[in-house]
Amino acid sequence: MTDTTTAYVPPKVWVWNKGSGGRFANINRPIAGATHEKELPVGKHPLQLYSLGTPNGVKVTIMLEELLAAGHKGAEYDAWLIKIGDGDQFGSGFVAINPNSKIPALLDRGGAKPIRVFETGSILLYLADKFGAFVPKDVGARAECLSWLFWQMGSAPYLGGGFGHFYAYAPVKIEYAIDRFAMETKRQLDVLDRRLAETGAYVSGPDYTIADMAIFPWYGLLALDGVMYDNCGEFLSVQDYKHVRRWAGAMAERPAVKRGRMVNRVFGEPSQQLHERHDASDFETKTQDKVAPAKK
């Protein structure tokens, strides 16, 4: 892997180059706001989720499915598919809920006035407080849980927008960038591996919390099978992080986690894709292998 680019000298004033390339060049831009008028659909439940089955989207659907599994009937939800490749996140309805135009976005219509919630850490904490679940009540334990939740929020951009982008999505392989972010990704995996060696169970301690739900779709799945970002598991030697892999394996077997990973998913096995979720029965009747069976 070599850097074949010529030396870059930044101009005095940066100007947006629409032809910059990359897999997501058509949806990246340096300005905020809606690009078109488009209202969002609304279902029958108080909680309306607008998302896609990326690691960030999966955090929230895991949380909602875990709440339902724990008996919180008020956590029933409608999950609507937002196709970020098509620019759905720039529609006026979505921007009204999340001015940052990133999935997922949640609208709670259960009160006198709808409450919008955006950014995954905020959504997880909002739901935990609303239902009194998956965040410890003890002050010290709560602080530890939230510290690991926000560790994920602060660390994952180095994995996704850093390593993932330059390793898998950038139009040119840049050795310096890949080395820089691979080093940081492995350091983060080591942080998590050492922590899980201490706790022996879950990330923030003996109890399953929103910290686990936030970290698993990023670092758990990365360490478990390495299929993220063009099968980078061998490149990152993910097999070395045995405590992360143990924890991730246990997480992956939780029924609510399995369901959460299916919601708003548009890739992989058709039987594991539930593009929209409006009722618990949808997992049995509306996966892509049933609604759009392969042609013989």
C-alpha atoms as a PDB file:
ATOM      1  CA  MET A   1       0.000   0.000   0.000  1.00  0.00           C
ATOM      2  CA  THR A   2       1.611   3.218  -1.114  1.00  0.00           C
ATOM      3  CA  ASP A   3       0.678   6.859  -1.338  1.00  0.00           C
ATOM      4  CA  THR A   4       0.533   7.663  -5.044  1.00  0.00           C
ATOM      5  CA  THR A   5      -0.781  11.194  -4.601  1.00  0.00           C
ATOM      6  CA  THR A   6       1.304  14.272  -5.174  1.00  0.00           C
ATOM      7  CA  ALA A   7       2.056  16.676  -2.353  1.00  0.00           C
ATOM      8  CA  TYR A   8      -0.983  18.794  -1.553  1.00  0.00           C
ATOM      9  CA  VAL A   9      -0.629  22.470  -0.761  1.00  0.00           C
ATOM     10  CA  PRO A  10      -3.847  23.850   0.797  1.00  0.00           C
ATOM     11  CA  PRO A  11      -5.125  26.987  -0.953  1.00  0.00           C
ATOM     12  CA  LYS A  12      -5.529  30.221   0.952  1.00  0.00           C
ATOM     13  CA  VAL A  13      -9.329  29.802   0.803  1.00  0.00           C
ATOM     14  CA  TRP A  14     -10.939  26.356   0.504  1.00  0.00           C
ATOM     15  CA  VAL A  15     -13.628  26.024  -2.163  1.00  0.00           C
ATOM     16  CA  TRP A  16     -16.065  23.097  -2.378  1.00  0.00           C
ATOM     17  CA  ASN A  17     -15.162  20.790  -5.242  1.00  0.00           C
ATOM     18  CA  LYS A  18     -18.234  18.759  -6.135  1.00  0.00           C
ATOM     19  CA  GLY A  19     -16.111  16.356  -8.147  1.00  0.00           C
ATOM     20  CA  SER A  20     -14.027  15.255  -5.169  1.00  0.00           C
ATOM     21  CA  GLY A  21     -14.966  11.603  -5.645  1.00  0.00           C
ATOM     22  CA  GLY A  22     -15.501   8.839  -3.114  1.00  0.00           C
ATOM     23  CA  ARG A  23     -18.440   6.517  -2.608  1.00  0.00           C
ATOM     24  CA  PHE A  24     -20.537   9.129  -0.813  1.00  0.00           C
ATOM     25  CA  ALA A  25     -19.513  12.209  -2.796  1.00  0.00           C
ATOM     26  CA  ASN A  26     -23.049  12.734  -4.098  1.00  0.00           C
ATOM     27  CA  ILE A  27     -24.494  13.292  -0.612  1.00  0.00           C
ATOM     28  CA  ASN A  28     -21.648  15.211   1.028  1.00  0.00           C
ATOM     29  CA  ARG A  29     -21.746  18.988   1.053  1.00  0.00           C
ATOM     30  CA  PRO A  30     -20.414  21.827   3.227  1.00  0.00           C
ATOM     31  CA  ILE A  31     -23.806  23.399   4.005  1.00  0.00           C
ATOM     32  CA  ALA A  32     -26.755  22.392   6.175  1.00  0.00           C
ATOM     33  CA  GLY A  33     -30.491  22.562   5.609  1.00  0.00           C
ATOM     34  CA  ALA A  34     -33.063  20.827   3.441  1.00  0.00           C
ATOM     35  CA  THR A  35     -32.507  20.300  -0.268  1.00  0.00           C
ATOM     36  CA  HIS A  36     -36.124  19.426  -1.063  1.00  0.00           C
ATOM     37  CA  GLU A  37     -39.596  19.353   0.412  1.00  0.00           C
ATOM     38  CA  LYS A  38     -40.605  15.958   1.733  1.00  0.00           C
ATOM     39  CA  GLU A  39     -42.824  15.209   4.698  1.00  0.00           C
ATOM     40  CA  LEU A  40     -42.104  12.143   6.821  1.00  0.00           C
ATOM     41  CA  PRO A  41     -44.619   9.333   7.209  1.00  0.00           C
ATOM     42  CA  VAL A  42     -46.218   8.778  10.616  1.00  0.00           C
ATOM     43  CA  GLY A  43     -47.346   5.426  11.983  1.00  0.00           C
ATOM     44  CA  LYS A  44     -49.644   4.329  14.772  1.00  0.00           C
ATOM     45  CA  HIS A  45     -47.185   4.270  17.672  1.00  0.00           C
ATOM     46  CA  PRO A  46     -46.036   7.217  19.802  1.00  0.00           C
ATOM     47  CA  LEU A  47     -42.382   6.531  18.937  1.00  0.00           C
ATOM     48  CA  GLN A  48     -41.476   7.229  15.328  1.00  0.00           C
ATOM     49  CA  LEU A  49     -37.966   6.268  14.228  1.00  0.00           C
ATOM     50  CA  TYR A  50     -36.466   7.421  10.942  1.00  0.00           C
ATOM     51  CA  SER A  51     -33.311   5.457  10.292  1.00  0.00           C
ATOM     52  CA  LEU A  52     -31.148   3.037   8.329  1.00  0.00           C
ATOM     53  CA  GLY A  53     -29.488  -0.181   9.501  1.00  0.00           C
ATOM     54  CA  THR A  54     -25.994   1.258   9.834  1.00  0.00           C
ATOM     55  CA  PRO A  55     -24.094   0.876  13.126  1.00  0.00           C
ATOM     56  CA  ASN A  56     -25.590   4.143  14.367  1.00  0.00           C
ATOM     57  CA  GLY A  57     -29.109   3.139  13.385  1.00  0.00           C
ATOM     58  CA  VAL A  58     -28.730  -0.300  14.960  1.00  0.00           C
ATOM     59  CA  LYS A  59     -27.889   1.207  18.351  1.00  0.00           C
ATOM     60  CA  VAL A  60     -31.409   2.586  18.665  1.00  0.00           C
ATOM     61  CA  THR A  61     -33.318  -0.374  17.254  1.00  0.00           C
ATOM     62  CA  ILE A  62     -31.460  -2.667  19.660  1.00  0.00           C
ATOM     63  CA  MET A  63     -32.488  -0.372  22.517  1.00  0.00           C
ATOM     64  CA  LEU A  64     -36.137  -0.348  21.462  1.00  0.00           C
ATOM     65  CA  GLU A  65     -36.244  -4.129  21.031  1.00  0.00           C
ATOM     66  CA  GLU A  66     -34.563  -4.626  24.415  1.00  0.00           C
ATOM     67  CA  LEU A  67     -37.134  -2.339  26.049  1.00  0.00           C
ATOM     68  CA  LEU A  68     -39.958  -4.354  24.513  1.00  0.00           C
ATOM     69  CA  ALA A  69     -38.313  -7.611  25.587  1.00  0.00           C
ATOM     70  CA  ALA A  70     -38.118  -6.243  29.131  1.00  0.00           C
ATOM     71  CA  GLY A  71     -41.882  -5.636  29.141  1.00  0.00           C
ATOM     72  CA  HIS A  72     -42.042  -1.919  28.364  1.00  0.00           C
ATOM     73  CA  LYS A  73     -45.059  -1.928  26.059  1.00  0.00           C
ATOM     74  CA  GLY A  74     -44.853   1.818  25.612  1.00  0.00           C
ATOM     75  CA  ALA A  75     -41.670   1.282  23.613  1.00  0.00           C
ATOM     76  CA  GLU A  76     -43.598   0.004  20.592  1.00  0.00           C
ATOM     77  CA  TYR A  77     -42.420   1.919  17.580  1.00  0.00           C
ATOM     78  CA  ASP A  78     -42.624   2.514  13.866  1.00  0.00           C
ATOM     79  CA  ALA A  79     -39.284   2.378  12.060  1.00  0.00           C
ATOM     80  CA  TRP A  80     -39.219   4.133   8.703  1.00  0.00           C
ATOM     81  CA  LEU A  81     -36.440   3.633   6.176  1.00  0.00           C
ATOM     82  CA  ILE A  82     -34.277   6.648   5.347  1.00  0.00           C
ATOM     83  CA  LYS A  83     -32.194   5.999   2.237  1.00  0.00           C
ATOM     84  CA  ILE A  84     -29.154   8.168   2.808  1.00  0.00           C
ATOM     85  CA  GLY A  85     -27.705   7.268  -0.586  1.00  0.00           C
ATOM     86  CA  ASP A  86     -30.776   8.905  -2.135  1.00  0.00           C
ATOM     87  CA  GLY A  87     -30.511  11.966   0.108  1.00  0.00           C
ATOM     88  CA  ASP A  88     -33.658  11.283   2.175  1.00  0.00           C
ATOM     89  CA  GLN A  89     -31.910  12.835   5.174  1.00  0.00           C
ATOM     90  CA  PHE A  90     -32.008  16.199   3.419  1.00  0.00           C
ATOM     91  CA  GLY A  91     -35.792  16.236   3.058  1.00  0.00           C
ATOM     92  CA  SER A  92     -37.573  19.036   4.908  1.00  0.00           C
ATOM     93  CA  GLY A  93     -39.387  16.666   7.265  1.00  0.00           C
ATOM     94  CA  PHE A  94     -36.223  14.904   8.340  1.00  0.00           C
ATOM     95  CA  VAL A  95     -34.258  18.131   8.750  1.00  0.00           C
ATOM     96  CA  ALA A  96     -37.040  19.424  11.015  1.00  0.00           C
ATOM     97  CA  ILE A  97     -36.300  16.545  13.406  1.00  0.00           C
ATOM     98  CA  ASN A  98     -32.544  16.482  12.952  1.00  0.00           C
ATOM     99  CA  PRO A  99     -30.997  19.694  11.607  1.00  0.00           C
ATOM    100  CA  ASN A 100     -27.710  17.783  11.335  1.00  0.00           C
ATOM    101  CA  SER A 101     -29.219  15.503   8.630  1.00  0.00           C
ATOM    102  CA  LYS A 102     -27.835  12.275  10.090  1.00  0.00           C
ATOM    103  CA  ILE A 103     -29.683   9.086  10.893  1.00  0.00           C
ATOM    104  CA  PRO A 104     -31.255   8.062  13.177  1.00  0.00           C
ATOM    105  CA  ALA A 105     -33.822  10.605  14.295  1.00  0.00           C
ATOM    106  CA  LEU A 106     -36.621   9.938  16.782  1.00  0.00           C
ATOM    107  CA  LEU A 107     -39.932  11.703  17.267  1.00  0.00           C
ATOM    108  CA  ASP A 108     -41.862  10.980  20.458  1.00  0.00           C
ATOM    109  CA  ARG A 109     -45.518  11.835  19.833  1.00  0.00           C
ATOM    110  CA  GLY A 110     -46.717  10.411  23.130  1.00  0.00           C
ATOM    111  CA  GLY A 111     -47.195  13.728  24.941  1.00  0.00           C
ATOM    112  CA  ALA A 112     -49.062  16.972  24.435  1.00  0.00           C
ATOM    113  CA  LYS A 113     -46.291  18.199  22.160  1.00  0.00           C
ATOM    114  CA  PRO A 114     -44.025  16.011  20.000  1.00  0.00           C
ATOM    115  CA  ILE A 115     -40.442  15.756  21.220  1.00  0.00           C
ATOM    116  CA  ARG A 116     -37.630  15.412  18.715  1.00  0.00           C
ATOM    117  CA  VAL A 117     -34.443  13.597  19.688  1.00  0.00           C
ATOM    118  CA  PHE A 118     -31.330  13.301  17.534  1.00  0.00           C
ATOM    119  CA  GLU A 119     -27.781  11.975  17.983  1.00  0.00           C
ATOM    120  CA  THR A 120     -27.656   8.358  19.099  1.00  0.00           C
ATOM    121  CA  GLY A 121     -26.227   8.979  22.560  1.00  0.00           C
ATOM    122  CA  SER A 122     -29.033  11.421  23.220  1.00  0.00           C
ATOM    123  CA  ILE A 123     -31.682   9.007  21.887  1.00  0.00           C
ATOM    124  CA  LEU A 124     -30.403   6.118  24.025  1.00  0.00           C
ATOM    125  CA  LEU A 125     -30.291   8.262  27.148  1.00  0.00           C
ATOM    126  CA  TYR A 126     -33.732   9.740  26.420  1.00  0.00           C
ATOM    127  CA  LEU A 127     -35.274   6.285  26.109  1.00  0.00           C
ATOM    128  CA  ALA A 128     -33.431   5.005  29.184  1.00  0.00           C
ATOM    129  CA  ASP A 129     -34.761   7.904  31.263  1.00  0.00           C
ATOM    130  CA  LYS A 130     -38.249   7.652  29.782  1.00  0.00           C
ATOM    131  CA  PHE A 131     -38.604   3.978  30.676  1.00  0.00           C
ATOM    132  CA  GLY A 132     -36.265   3.794  33.660  1.00  0.00           C
ATOM    133  CA  ALA A 133     -34.195   1.031  32.129  1.00  0.00           C
ATOM    134  CA  PHE A 134     -30.651   0.117  31.085  1.00  0.00           C
ATOM    135  CA  VAL A 135     -28.926   2.914  32.995  1.00  0.00           C
ATOM    136  CA  PRO A 136     -27.898   2.204  36.621  1.00  0.00           C
ATOM    137  CA  LYS A 137     -29.604   4.241  39.323  1.00  0.00           C
ATOM    138  CA  ASP A 138     -26.532   4.346  41.568  1.00  0.00           C
ATOM    139  CA  VAL A 139     -24.709   7.629  40.962  1.00  0.00           C
ATOM    140  CA  GLY A 140     -21.273   6.073  40.499  1.00  0.00           C
ATOM    141  CA  ALA A 141     -22.506   3.268  38.275  1.00  0.00           C
ATOM    142  CA  ARG A 142     -24.518   5.727  36.193  1.00  0.00           C
ATOM    143  CA  ALA A 143     -21.443   7.917  35.725  1.00  0.00           C
ATOM    144  CA  GLU A 144     -19.425   4.894  34.561  1.00  0.00           C
ATOM    145  CA  CYS A 145     -22.166   3.899  32.131  1.00  0.00           C
ATOM    146  CA  LEU A 146     -22.399   7.377  30.639  1.00  0.00           C
ATOM    147  CA  SER A 147     -18.619   7.670  30.418  1.00  0.00           C
ATOM    148  CA  TRP A 148     -18.486   4.571  28.217  1.00  0.00           C
ATOM    149  CA  LEU A 149     -21.496   5.717  26.222  1.00  0.00           C
ATOM    150  CA  PHE A 150     -19.755   8.965  25.367  1.00  0.00           C
ATOM    151  CA  TRP A 151     -16.454   7.149  24.846  1.00  0.00           C
ATOM    152  CA  GLN A 152     -18.192   5.469  21.946  1.00  0.00           C
ATOM    153  CA  MET A 153     -19.646   8.739  20.672  1.00  0.00           C
ATOM    154  CA  GLY A 154     -16.226  10.370  20.703  1.00  0.00           C
ATOM    155  CA  SER A 155     -14.217   7.392  19.456  1.00  0.00           C
ATOM    156  CA  ALA A 156     -16.298   5.917  16.631  1.00  0.00           C
ATOM    157  CA  PRO A 157     -15.690   8.789  14.174  1.00  0.00           C
ATOM    158  CA  TYR A 158     -12.039   7.704  14.089  1.00  0.00           C
ATOM    159  CA  LEU A 159     -13.186   4.199  13.190  1.00  0.00           C
ATOM    160  CA  GLY A 160     -15.919   5.143  10.714  1.00  0.00           C
ATOM    161  CA  GLY A 161     -15.094   8.490   9.185  1.00  0.00           C
ATOM    162  CA  GLY A 162     -11.381   7.903   9.685  1.00  0.00           C
ATOM    163  CA  PHE A 163     -10.284   4.306   9.173  1.00  0.00           C
ATOM    164  CA  GLY A 164     -13.393   3.119   7.336  1.00  0.00           C
ATOM    165  CA  HIS A 165     -13.396   6.009   4.916  1.00  0.00           C
ATOM    166  CA  PHE A 166      -9.741   5.864   3.933  1.00  0.00           C
ATOM    167  CA  TYR A 167      -9.503   2.049   3.947  1.00  0.00           C
ATOM    168  CA  ALA A 168     -12.691   1.290   2.022  1.00  0.00           C
ATOM    169  CA  TYR A 169     -14.338   4.352   0.519  1.00  0.00           C
ATOM    170  CA  ALA A 170     -11.741   6.953  -0.481  1.00  0.00           C
ATOM    171  CA  PRO A 171     -11.054   7.074  -4.243  1.00  0.00           C
ATOM    172  CA  VAL A 172      -7.297   6.880  -3.576  1.00  0.00           C
ATOM    173  CA  LYS A 173      -5.489   4.686  -1.039  1.00  0.00           C
ATOM    174  CA  ILE A 174      -3.398   7.018   1.111  1.00  0.00           C
ATOM    175  CA  GLU A 175      -0.878   5.130   3.227  1.00  0.00           C
ATOM    176  CA  TYR A 176      -0.456   7.868   5.823  1.00  0.00           C
ATOM    177  CA  ALA A 177      -4.212   8.202   6.407  1.00  0.00           C
ATOM    178  CA  ILE A 178      -4.827   4.443   6.605  1.00  0.00           C
ATOM    179  CA  ASP A 179      -1.878   3.909   8.958  1.00  0.00           C
ATOM    180  CA  ARG A 180      -2.948   6.806  11.167  1.00  0.00           C
ATOM    181  CA  PHE A 181      -6.522   5.628  11.608  1.00  0.00           C
ATOM    182  CA  ALA A 182      -5.698   1.907  11.750  1.00  0.00           C
ATOM    183  CA  MET A 183      -3.390   2.697  14.663  1.00  0.00           C
ATOM    184  CA  GLU A 184      -6.132   4.622  16.442  1.00  0.00           C
ATOM    185  CA  THR A 185      -8.750   1.939  15.763  1.00  0.00           C
ATOM    186  CA  LYS A 186      -6.499  -0.740  17.233  1.00  0.00           C
ATOM    187  CA  ARG A 187      -5.775   1.463  20.249  1.00  0.00           C
ATOM    188  CA  GLN A 188      -9.509   1.822  20.843  1.00  0.00           C
ATOM    189  CA  LEU A 189     -10.039  -1.929  20.527  1.00  0.00           C
ATOM    190  CA  ASP A 190      -7.285  -2.394  23.098  1.00  0.00           C
ATOM    191  CA  VAL A 191      -8.972   0.098  25.451  1.00  0.00           C
ATOM    192  CA  LEU A 192     -12.198  -1.870  25.185  1.00  0.00           C
ATOM    193  CA  ASP A 193     -10.461  -5.253  25.465  1.00  0.00           C
ATOM    194  CA  ARG A 194      -8.702  -4.231  28.679  1.00  0.00           C
ATOM    195  CA  ARG A 195     -11.937  -2.888  30.120  1.00  0.00           C
ATOM    196  CA  LEU A 196     -13.845  -6.082  29.367  1.00  0.00           C
ATOM    197  CA  ALA A 197     -11.014  -8.113  30.899  1.00  0.00           C
ATOM    198  CA  GLU A 198     -11.680  -6.172  34.104  1.00  0.00           C
ATOM    199  CA  THR A 199     -15.466  -6.404  34.171  1.00  0.00           C
ATOM    200  CA  GLY A 200     -15.823  -9.925  32.814  1.00  0.00           C
ATOM    201  CA  ALA A 201     -19.373  -9.161  31.721  1.00  0.00           C
ATOM    202  CA  TYR A 202     -20.505  -5.864  30.294  1.00  0.00           C
ATOM    203  CA  VAL A 203     -18.665  -2.698  29.399  1.00  0.00           C
ATOM    204  CA  SER A 204     -19.651  -0.448  32.296  1.00  0.00           C
ATOM    205  CA  GLY A 205     -19.853  -3.189  34.939  1.00  0.00           C
ATOM    206  CA  PRO A 206     -21.992  -6.191  35.903  1.00  0.00           C
ATOM    207  CA  ASP A 207     -25.187  -4.860  34.299  1.00  0.00           C
ATOM    208  CA  TYR A 208     -26.238  -4.650  30.665  1.00  0.00           C
ATOM    209  CA  THR A 209     -26.640  -0.980  29.739  1.00  0.00           C
ATOM    210  CA  ILE A 210     -26.986   1.485  26.901  1.00  0.00           C
ATOM    211  CA  ALA A 211     -23.188   1.594  26.789  1.00  0.00           C
ATOM    212  CA  ASP A 212     -23.158  -1.990  25.486  1.00  0.00           C
ATOM    213  CA  MET A 213     -25.896  -1.184  22.979  1.00  0.00           C
ATOM    214  CA  ALA A 214     -23.943   1.785  21.653  1.00  0.00           C
ATOM    215  CA  ILE A 215     -20.551   0.094  21.429  1.00  0.00           C
ATOM    216  CA  PHE A 216     -21.594  -3.292  20.023  1.00  0.00           C
ATOM    217  CA  PRO A 217     -22.664  -2.251  16.481  1.00  0.00           C
ATOM    218  CA  TRP A 218     -19.301  -0.573  15.956  1.00  0.00           C
ATOM    219  CA  TYR A 219     -16.574  -2.368  17.878  1.00  0.00           C
ATOM    220  CA  GLY A 220     -18.371  -5.616  18.682  1.00  0.00           C
ATOM    221  CA  LEU A 221     -19.237  -6.442  15.097  1.00  0.00           C
ATOM    222  CA  LEU A 222     -15.814  -5.266  13.922  1.00  0.00           C
ATOM    223  CA  ALA A 223     -14.041  -7.632  16.327  1.00  0.00           C
ATOM    224  CA  LEU A 224     -16.504 -10.470  15.876  1.00  0.00           C
ATOM    225  CA  ASP A 225     -16.290 -11.045  12.159  1.00  0.00           C
ATOM    226  CA  GLY A 226     -14.328  -8.192  10.627  1.00  0.00           C
ATOM    227  CA  VAL A 227     -16.647  -7.916   7.617  1.00  0.00           C
ATOM    228  CA  MET A 228     -17.044  -4.183   8.143  1.00  0.00           C
ATOM    229  CA  TYR A 229     -15.107  -2.081   5.631  1.00  0.00           C
ATOM    230  CA  ASP A 230     -14.124  -4.541   2.921  1.00  0.00           C
ATOM    231  CA  ASN A 231     -13.362  -7.436   5.269  1.00  0.00           C
ATOM    232  CA  CYS A 232     -10.778  -5.542   7.297  1.00  0.00           C
ATOM    233  CA  GLY A 233     -10.654  -8.077  10.137  1.00  0.00           C
ATOM    234  CA  GLU A 234      -7.393  -9.665   9.036  1.00  0.00           C
ATOM    235  CA  PHE A 235      -5.850  -6.249   8.360  1.00  0.00           C
ATOM    236  CA  LEU A 236      -6.641  -5.139  11.933  1.00  0.00           C
ATOM    237  CA  SER A 237      -5.882  -8.571  13.514  1.00  0.00           C
ATOM    238  CA  VAL A 238      -9.232  -8.520  15.307  1.00  0.00           C
ATOM    239  CA  GLN A 239      -8.653 -12.047  16.588  1.00  0.00           C
ATOM    240  CA  ASP A 240      -6.213 -10.570  19.121  1.00  0.00           C
ATOM    241  CA  TYR A 241      -9.003  -8.854  21.089  1.00  0.00           C
ATOM    242  CA  LYS A 242     -10.347 -11.950  22.826  1.00  0.00           C
ATOM    243  CA  HIS A 243     -12.328 -10.159  25.526  1.00  0.00           C
ATOM    244  CA  VAL A 244     -14.083  -7.957  22.995  1.00  0.00           C
ATOM    245  CA  ARG A 245     -14.857 -11.030  20.917  1.00  0.00           C
ATOM    246  CA  ARG A 246     -16.254 -12.897  23.931  1.00  0.00           C
ATOM    247  CA  TRP A 247     -18.507  -9.984  24.858  1.00  0.00           C
ATOM    248  CA  ALA A 248     -19.536  -9.392  21.255  1.00  0.00           C
ATOM    249  CA  GLY A 249     -20.418 -13.050  20.798  1.00  0.00           C
ATOM    250  CA  ALA A 250     -22.713 -12.956  23.827  1.00  0.00           C
ATOM    251  CA  MET A 251     -24.288  -9.709  22.617  1.00  0.00           C
ATOM    252  CA  ALA A 252     -24.934 -11.125  19.155  1.00  0.00           C
ATOM    253  CA  GLU A 253     -26.918 -14.027  20.640  1.00  0.00           C
ATOM    254  CA  ARG A 254     -29.411 -11.834  22.490  1.00  0.00           C
ATOM    255  CA  PRO A 255     -32.821 -12.151  20.743  1.00  0.00           C
ATOM    256  CA  ALA A 256     -33.484  -8.406  20.960  1.00  0.00           C
ATOM    257  CA  VAL A 257     -30.078  -7.671  19.427  1.00  0.00           C
ATOM    258  CA  LYS A 258     -30.820 -10.043  16.567  1.00  0.00           C
ATOM    259  CA  ARG A 259     -34.119  -8.273  15.923  1.00  0.00           C
ATOM    260  CA  GLY A 260     -32.586  -4.825  16.261  1.00  0.00           C
ATOM    261  CA  ARG A 261     -29.959  -5.646  13.653  1.00  0.00           C
ATOM    262  CA  MET A 262     -32.691  -6.553  11.154  1.00  0.00           C
ATOM    263  CA  VAL A 263     -34.647  -3.286  11.341  1.00  0.00           C
ATOM    264  CA  ASN A 264     -34.081  -0.836   8.448  1.00  0.00           C
ATOM    265  CA  ARG A 265     -31.433  -3.174   7.065  1.00  0.00           C
ATOM    266  CA  VAL A 266     -31.021  -3.075   3.282  1.00  0.00           C
ATOM    267  CA  PHE A 267     -28.035  -5.361   2.765  1.00  0.00           C
ATOM    268  CA  GLY A 268     -27.069  -8.968   3.450  1.00  0.00           C
ATOM    269  CA  GLU A 269     -29.345 -11.988   3.518  1.00  0.00           C
ATOM    270  CA  PRO A 270     -32.950 -11.117   2.544  1.00  0.00           C
ATOM    271  CA  SER A 271     -34.225 -13.030   5.592  1.00  0.00           C
ATOM    272  CA  GLN A 272     -32.315 -10.587   7.799  1.00  0.00           C
ATOM    273  CA  GLN A 273     -33.671  -7.449   6.126  1.00  0.00           C
ATOM    274  CA  LEU A 274     -36.740  -5.786   7.605  1.00  0.00           C
ATOM    275  CA  HIS A 275     -36.886  -2.515   5.699  1.00  0.00           C
ATOM    276  CA  GLU A 276     -39.642  -1.067   7.890  1.00  0.00           C
ATOM    277  CA  ARG A 277     -40.928  -2.185  11.250  1.00  0.00           C
ATOM    278  CA  HIS A 278     -44.419  -1.318  12.480  1.00  0.00           C
ATOM    279  CA  ASP A 279     -45.359  -4.379  14.550  1.00  0.00           C
ATOM    280  CA  ALA A 280     -43.558  -7.244  16.289  1.00  0.00           C
ATOM    281  CA  SER A 281     -45.115  -9.655  13.797  1.00  0.00           C
ATOM    282  CA  ASP A 282     -43.223  -7.949  10.961  1.00  0.00           C
ATOM    283  CA  PHE A 283     -40.116  -9.974  11.847  1.00  0.00           C
ATOM    284  CA  GLU A 284     -42.012 -13.104  10.830  1.00  0.00           C
ATOM    285  CA  THR A 285     -43.993 -11.829   7.858  1.00  0.00           C
ATOM    286  CA  LYS A 286     -42.287  -8.838   6.237  1.00  0.00           C
ATOM    287  CA  THR A 287     -38.596  -9.629   5.835  1.00  0.00           C
ATOM    288  CA  GLN A 288     -37.326  -9.270   2.282  1.00  0.00           C
ATOM    289  CA  ASP A 289     -37.291 -12.999   1.590  1.00  0.00           C
ATOM    290  CA  LYS A 290     -41.074 -12.951   2.127  1.00  0.00           C
ATOM    291  CA  VAL A 291     -42.117  -9.655   0.573  1.00  0.00           C
ATOM    292  CA  ALA A 292     -39.670  -9.778  -2.335  1.00  0.00           C
ATOM    293  CA  PRO A 293     -38.666 -13.418  -2.889  1.00  0.00           C
ATOM    294  CA  ALA A 294     -35.873 -14.097  -5.342  1.00  0.00           C
ATOM    295  CA  LYS A 295     -36.987 -14.881  -8.867  1.00  0.00           C
ATOM    296  CA  LYS A 296     -36.379 -18.448 -10.005  1.00  0.00           C
END
